[in-house]
Amino acid sequence: MSELDALIRDLWDGCGLGELEIEWARGASGFIPVRLKGSPMQDIGPSGHVGDDMFTGILEGFFSHFCDGELRCVQTGDARLGDREGTTFVLAPFDLAKRVEGMVAERTRHGEIVAALAA
């Protein structure tokens, strides 16, 4: 997995899209948490708006290319809005992604979402 991780991180960074931290081990639980650092889109958008929503689609397509099934990407945190965990996302199959969206709507923090999905 380390070779794939290096390939994806280098490809993503090489495109000028920031730096990804990917929790591959969570894939065994059916989802992949991702943290994005140094996003060029982070400061775009009105105050109080999730500034990296464009990246949800890019991450979704990017990771789905390497998977058998389709994944949905949900942004779970935004460093610009003060989230201590930074700009974070969860990639998951559609049914699990709906659960993540519900937790985001309830303002559940990324770490708590990851813990709930892993349980």
N, C-alpha and C. Protein backbone atom coordinates (compact mmCIF):
# COMPACT_ATOMS: atom_id res chain seq x y z
N MET A 1 0.82 -1.20 0.00
CA MET A 1 0.00 0.00 0.00
C MET A 1 0.87 1.26 0.00
N SER A 2 2.07 1.15 0.53
CA SER A 2 2.91 2.35 0.60
C SER A 2 3.26 2.88 -0.78
N GLU A 3 3.40 1.98 -1.77
CA GLU A 3 3.70 2.44 -3.13
C GLU A 3 2.52 3.20 -3.72
N LEU A 4 1.31 2.68 -3.51
CA LEU A 4 0.12 3.37 -4.01
C LEU A 4 -0.06 4.71 -3.30
N ASP A 5 0.18 4.73 -2.01
CA ASP A 5 0.09 5.97 -1.25
C ASP A 5 1.05 7.01 -1.81
N ALA A 6 2.30 6.61 -2.05
CA ALA A 6 3.30 7.54 -2.59
C ALA A 6 2.89 8.01 -3.98
N LEU A 7 2.38 7.10 -4.81
CA LEU A 7 1.95 7.47 -6.15
C LEU A 7 0.83 8.50 -6.12
N ILE A 8 -0.18 8.24 -5.33
CA ILE A 8 -1.33 9.15 -5.26
C ILE A 8 -0.92 10.49 -4.66
N ARG A 9 -0.14 10.46 -3.59
CA ARG A 9 0.28 11.73 -2.96
C ARG A 9 1.14 12.56 -3.91
N ASP A 10 2.06 11.91 -4.61
CA ASP A 10 2.92 12.63 -5.56
C ASP A 10 2.12 13.17 -6.74
N LEU A 11 1.20 12.37 -7.24
CA LEU A 11 0.37 12.81 -8.36
C LEU A 11 -0.49 14.01 -7.96
N TRP A 12 -1.12 13.91 -6.80
CA TRP A 12 -1.99 14.99 -6.31
C TRP A 12 -1.18 16.27 -6.09
N ASP A 13 -0.06 16.16 -5.38
CA ASP A 13 0.79 17.31 -5.09
C ASP A 13 1.39 17.87 -6.38
N GLY A 14 1.76 16.99 -7.30
CA GLY A 14 2.33 17.42 -8.57
C GLY A 14 1.37 18.24 -9.42
N CYS A 15 0.09 18.05 -9.19
CA CYS A 15 -0.93 18.83 -9.91
C CYS A 15 -1.20 20.16 -9.23
N GLY A 16 -0.50 20.43 -8.14
CA GLY A 16 -0.67 21.69 -7.42
C GLY A 16 -1.94 21.77 -6.59
N LEU A 17 -2.44 20.60 -6.15
CA LEU A 17 -3.71 20.57 -5.44
C LEU A 17 -3.55 20.49 -3.93
N GLY A 18 -2.34 20.59 -3.43
CA GLY A 18 -2.11 20.51 -1.99
C GLY A 18 -1.52 19.17 -1.61
N GLU A 19 -1.49 18.91 -0.33
CA GLU A 19 -0.90 17.67 0.20
C GLU A 19 -1.99 16.83 0.86
N LEU A 20 -2.06 15.55 0.49
CA LEU A 20 -3.05 14.64 1.05
C LEU A 20 -2.45 13.77 2.14
N GLU A 21 -3.21 13.54 3.19
CA GLU A 21 -2.91 12.52 4.19
C GLU A 21 -4.08 11.55 4.14
N ILE A 22 -3.81 10.30 3.82
CA ILE A 22 -4.85 9.31 3.58
C ILE A 22 -4.74 8.19 4.62
N GLU A 23 -5.84 7.88 5.28
CA GLU A 23 -5.86 6.79 6.27
C GLU A 23 -6.32 5.50 5.59
N TRP A 24 -5.39 4.87 4.86
CA TRP A 24 -5.72 3.67 4.10
C TRP A 24 -6.26 2.54 4.97
N ALA A 25 -5.76 2.40 6.18
CA ALA A 25 -6.16 1.29 7.04
C ALA A 25 -7.66 1.28 7.31
N ARG A 26 -8.29 2.45 7.24
CA ARG A 26 -9.74 2.53 7.48
C ARG A 26 -10.54 1.92 6.32
N GLY A 27 -9.89 1.68 5.20
CA GLY A 27 -10.57 1.06 4.07
C GLY A 27 -11.18 -0.28 4.42
N ALA A 28 -10.58 -0.99 5.36
CA ALA A 28 -11.12 -2.28 5.80
C ALA A 28 -12.49 -2.10 6.46
N SER A 29 -12.77 -0.91 6.95
CA SER A 29 -14.07 -0.60 7.57
C SER A 29 -15.06 -0.02 6.55
N GLY A 30 -14.62 0.12 5.29
CA GLY A 30 -15.53 0.57 4.24
C GLY A 30 -15.49 2.05 3.92
N PHE A 31 -14.52 2.78 4.44
CA PHE A 31 -14.42 4.21 4.15
C PHE A 31 -12.96 4.63 4.23
N ILE A 32 -12.65 5.80 3.66
CA ILE A 32 -11.29 6.32 3.69
C ILE A 32 -11.32 7.78 4.12
N PRO A 33 -10.78 8.09 5.31
CA PRO A 33 -10.65 9.49 5.73
C PRO A 33 -9.44 10.14 5.02
N VAL A 34 -9.61 11.39 4.64
CA VAL A 34 -8.56 12.12 3.94
C VAL A 34 -8.44 13.51 4.57
N ARG A 35 -7.20 13.97 4.72
CA ARG A 35 -6.93 15.33 5.20
C ARG A 35 -6.18 16.04 4.07
N LEU A 36 -6.58 17.27 3.78
CA LEU A 36 -5.97 18.07 2.73
C LEU A 36 -5.27 19.27 3.35
N LYS A 37 -3.99 19.42 3.04
CA LYS A 37 -3.22 20.57 3.53
C LYS A 37 -2.75 21.39 2.33
N GLY A 38 -2.69 22.69 2.53
CA GLY A 38 -2.16 23.58 1.49
C GLY A 38 -3.02 23.65 0.25
N SER A 39 -4.32 23.62 0.43
CA SER A 39 -5.24 23.66 -0.70
C SER A 39 -5.23 25.03 -1.37
N PRO A 40 -5.13 25.08 -2.71
CA PRO A 40 -5.19 26.37 -3.40
C PRO A 40 -6.60 26.96 -3.41
N MET A 41 -7.61 26.19 -3.05
CA MET A 41 -8.99 26.66 -3.06
C MET A 41 -9.50 27.07 -1.69
N GLN A 42 -8.69 26.90 -0.68
CA GLN A 42 -9.16 27.09 0.69
C GLN A 42 -9.71 28.48 0.96
N ASP A 43 -9.18 29.50 0.33
CA ASP A 43 -9.61 30.86 0.62
C ASP A 43 -10.62 31.40 -0.38
N ILE A 44 -11.15 30.54 -1.24
CA ILE A 44 -12.16 30.97 -2.20
C ILE A 44 -13.54 30.75 -1.61
N GLY A 45 -14.42 31.68 -1.81
CA GLY A 45 -15.80 31.53 -1.34
C GLY A 45 -16.11 32.49 -0.23
N PRO A 46 -17.40 32.70 0.02
CA PRO A 46 -17.81 33.64 1.06
C PRO A 46 -17.47 33.14 2.46
N SER A 47 -17.33 34.05 3.38
CA SER A 47 -17.03 33.70 4.77
C SER A 47 -18.12 32.77 5.31
N GLY A 48 -17.70 31.75 6.01
CA GLY A 48 -18.65 30.80 6.56
C GLY A 48 -19.05 29.70 5.60
N HIS A 49 -18.48 29.72 4.41
CA HIS A 49 -18.79 28.71 3.39
C HIS A 49 -17.65 27.71 3.35
N VAL A 50 -17.97 26.44 3.16
CA VAL A 50 -16.93 25.42 3.03
C VAL A 50 -16.15 25.72 1.76
N GLY A 51 -14.90 26.15 1.91
CA GLY A 51 -14.11 26.66 0.79
C GLY A 51 -13.56 25.61 -0.14
N ASP A 52 -13.53 24.36 0.25
CA ASP A 52 -12.96 23.32 -0.59
C ASP A 52 -14.01 22.39 -1.16
N ASP A 53 -15.24 22.85 -1.29
CA ASP A 53 -16.27 21.94 -1.80
C ASP A 53 -15.98 21.47 -3.21
N MET A 54 -15.22 22.25 -3.99
CA MET A 54 -14.83 21.80 -5.32
C MET A 54 -14.00 20.52 -5.24
N PHE A 55 -13.21 20.40 -4.19
CA PHE A 55 -12.34 19.23 -4.07
C PHE A 55 -13.10 17.95 -3.76
N THR A 56 -14.31 18.04 -3.26
CA THR A 56 -15.05 16.81 -3.01
C THR A 56 -15.25 16.05 -4.32
N GLY A 57 -15.61 16.75 -5.37
CA GLY A 57 -15.79 16.11 -6.67
C GLY A 57 -14.49 15.59 -7.25
N ILE A 58 -13.43 16.36 -7.09
CA ILE A 58 -12.12 15.93 -7.60
C ILE A 58 -11.64 14.70 -6.84
N LEU A 59 -11.73 14.72 -5.51
CA LEU A 59 -11.32 13.56 -4.72
C LEU A 59 -12.17 12.34 -5.07
N GLU A 60 -13.47 12.56 -5.21
CA GLU A 60 -14.39 11.47 -5.53
C GLU A 60 -13.98 10.78 -6.84
N GLY A 61 -13.78 11.55 -7.87
CA GLY A 61 -13.39 10.98 -9.16
C GLY A 61 -12.01 10.37 -9.14
N PHE A 62 -11.09 11.04 -8.47
CA PHE A 62 -9.70 10.58 -8.39
C PHE A 62 -9.62 9.22 -7.73
N PHE A 63 -10.24 9.07 -6.56
CA PHE A 63 -10.16 7.80 -5.83
C PHE A 63 -11.02 6.72 -6.47
N SER A 64 -12.16 7.09 -7.04
CA SER A 64 -13.02 6.10 -7.70
C SER A 64 -12.30 5.45 -8.87
N HIS A 65 -11.39 6.17 -9.49
CA HIS A 65 -10.61 5.63 -10.60
C HIS A 65 -9.80 4.41 -10.16
N PHE A 66 -9.37 4.38 -8.90
CA PHE A 66 -8.54 3.29 -8.39
C PHE A 66 -9.35 2.20 -7.69
N CYS A 67 -10.68 2.35 -7.62
CA CYS A 67 -11.53 1.41 -6.87
C CYS A 67 -12.45 0.65 -7.82
N ASP A 68 -12.96 -0.47 -7.33
CA ASP A 68 -13.92 -1.25 -8.11
C ASP A 68 -15.28 -0.57 -8.18
N GLY A 69 -15.74 -0.04 -7.06
CA GLY A 69 -17.05 0.59 -7.00
C GLY A 69 -16.95 2.10 -6.96
N GLU A 70 -18.11 2.73 -6.98
CA GLU A 70 -18.14 4.18 -6.91
C GLU A 70 -18.09 4.65 -5.46
N LEU A 71 -17.35 5.70 -5.24
CA LEU A 71 -17.25 6.31 -3.91
C LEU A 71 -17.89 7.69 -3.96
N ARG A 72 -18.37 8.12 -2.84
CA ARG A 72 -18.89 9.47 -2.67
C ARG A 72 -17.97 10.16 -1.69
N CYS A 73 -17.67 11.42 -1.92
CA CYS A 73 -16.80 12.18 -1.03
C CYS A 73 -17.62 13.24 -0.31
N VAL A 74 -17.43 13.31 1.00
CA VAL A 74 -18.14 14.30 1.82
C VAL A 74 -17.10 15.09 2.61
N GLN A 75 -17.16 16.42 2.51
CA GLN A 75 -16.25 17.24 3.30
C GLN A 75 -16.75 17.29 4.73
N THR A 76 -15.85 16.96 5.66
CA THR A 76 -16.23 16.88 7.07
C THR A 76 -15.63 17.98 7.93
N GLY A 77 -14.75 18.79 7.37
CA GLY A 77 -14.15 19.87 8.13
C GLY A 77 -13.45 20.86 7.23
N ASP A 78 -13.26 22.07 7.71
CA ASP A 78 -12.62 23.14 6.93
C ASP A 78 -11.72 23.95 7.85
N ALA A 79 -10.44 23.92 7.58
CA ALA A 79 -9.47 24.66 8.41
C ALA A 79 -9.80 26.14 8.45
N ARG A 80 -10.30 26.68 7.35
CA ARG A 80 -10.61 28.11 7.28
C ARG A 80 -11.73 28.50 8.23
N LEU A 81 -12.60 27.54 8.52
CA LEU A 81 -13.71 27.82 9.43
C LEU A 81 -13.36 27.46 10.87
N GLY A 82 -12.07 27.19 11.10
CA GLY A 82 -11.61 26.96 12.46
C GLY A 82 -11.59 25.52 12.93
N ASP A 83 -11.84 24.58 12.04
CA ASP A 83 -11.79 23.18 12.45
C ASP A 83 -10.36 22.81 12.84
N ARG A 84 -10.21 22.35 14.06
CA ARG A 84 -8.87 22.01 14.57
C ARG A 84 -8.24 20.86 13.81
N GLU A 85 -9.07 19.98 13.27
CA GLU A 85 -8.55 18.84 12.53
C GLU A 85 -8.18 19.19 11.10
N GLY A 86 -8.46 20.41 10.68
CA GLY A 86 -8.10 20.87 9.35
C GLY A 86 -9.19 20.65 8.33
N THR A 87 -8.80 20.66 7.07
CA THR A 87 -9.72 20.42 5.97
C THR A 87 -9.76 18.93 5.73
N THR A 88 -10.91 18.33 5.99
CA THR A 88 -11.01 16.88 6.01
C THR A 88 -12.19 16.39 5.17
N PHE A 89 -12.06 15.16 4.73
CA PHE A 89 -13.06 14.52 3.89
C PHE A 89 -13.19 13.06 4.29
N VAL A 90 -14.32 12.46 3.93
CA VAL A 90 -14.49 11.01 4.05
C VAL A 90 -14.98 10.51 2.70
N LEU A 91 -14.27 9.51 2.17
CA LEU A 91 -14.69 8.81 0.96
C LEU A 91 -15.37 7.53 1.37
N ALA A 92 -16.57 7.28 0.85
CA ALA A 92 -17.32 6.09 1.25
C ALA A 92 -18.32 5.73 0.16
N PRO A 93 -18.81 4.49 0.17
CA PRO A 93 -19.90 4.13 -0.74
C PRO A 93 -21.12 5.00 -0.44
N PHE A 94 -22.03 5.10 -1.39
CA PHE A 94 -23.16 6.03 -1.29
C PHE A 94 -23.97 5.87 0.00
N ASP A 95 -24.26 4.63 0.41
CA ASP A 95 -25.09 4.44 1.61
C ASP A 95 -24.39 4.96 2.86
N LEU A 96 -23.11 4.71 2.97
CA LEU A 96 -22.35 5.20 4.12
C LEU A 96 -22.14 6.71 4.05
N ALA A 97 -21.99 7.23 2.83
CA ALA A 97 -21.82 8.68 2.65
C ALA A 97 -23.05 9.45 3.14
N LYS A 98 -24.23 8.88 2.97
CA LYS A 98 -25.45 9.53 3.47
C LYS A 98 -25.39 9.66 4.99
N ARG A 99 -24.87 8.65 5.64
CA ARG A 99 -24.71 8.70 7.10
C ARG A 99 -23.72 9.80 7.49
N VAL A 100 -22.62 9.90 6.73
CA VAL A 100 -21.62 10.94 6.99
C VAL A 100 -22.25 12.32 6.81
N GLU A 101 -23.03 12.51 5.74
CA GLU A 101 -23.69 13.80 5.51
C GLU A 101 -24.59 14.18 6.68
N GLY A 102 -25.29 13.21 7.22
CA GLY A 102 -26.15 13.46 8.38
C GLY A 102 -25.35 13.92 9.59
N MET A 103 -24.20 13.28 9.81
CA MET A 103 -23.35 13.67 10.94
C MET A 103 -22.76 15.06 10.73
N VAL A 104 -22.39 15.38 9.49
CA VAL A 104 -21.87 16.72 9.19
C VAL A 104 -22.96 17.76 9.45
N ALA A 105 -24.19 17.46 9.05
CA ALA A 105 -25.31 18.38 9.28
C ALA A 105 -25.54 18.62 10.77
N GLU A 106 -25.21 17.64 11.59
CA GLU A 106 -25.34 17.77 13.05
C GLU A 106 -24.09 18.38 13.68
N ARG A 107 -23.15 18.82 12.83
CA ARG A 107 -21.90 19.45 13.25
C ARG A 107 -21.00 18.51 14.06
N THR A 108 -21.00 17.26 13.67
CA THR A 108 -20.12 16.28 14.30
C THR A 108 -18.72 16.46 13.73
N ARG A 109 -17.72 16.46 14.61
CA ARG A 109 -16.33 16.65 14.18
C ARG A 109 -15.82 15.45 13.40
N HIS A 110 -14.83 15.69 12.54
CA HIS A 110 -14.27 14.66 11.68
C HIS A 110 -13.83 13.42 12.47
N GLY A 111 -13.07 13.62 13.53
CA GLY A 111 -12.58 12.50 14.33
C GLY A 111 -13.71 11.67 14.91
N GLU A 112 -14.78 12.33 15.32
CA GLU A 112 -15.94 11.61 15.86
C GLU A 112 -16.68 10.85 14.76
N ILE A 113 -16.72 11.42 13.56
CA ILE A 113 -17.33 10.73 12.43
C ILE A 113 -16.55 9.47 12.11
N VAL A 114 -15.23 9.60 12.04
CA VAL A 114 -14.37 8.45 11.74
C VAL A 114 -14.55 7.37 12.80
N ALA A 115 -14.58 7.76 14.07
CA ALA A 115 -14.75 6.79 15.16
C ALA A 115 -16.11 6.09 15.06
N ALA A 116 -17.16 6.85 14.73
CA ALA A 116 -18.50 6.26 14.63
C ALA A 116 -18.58 5.28 13.46
N LEU A 117 -17.95 5.61 12.35
CA LEU A 117 -17.97 4.73 11.18
C LEU A 117 -17.17 3.45 11.43
N ALA A 118 -16.12 3.57 12.21
CA ALA A 118 -15.26 2.41 12.49
C ALA A 118 -15.87 1.46 13.52
N ALA A 119 -16.85 1.96 14.29
CA ALA A 119 -17.44 1.14 15.35
C ALA A 119 -18.36 0.06 14.81
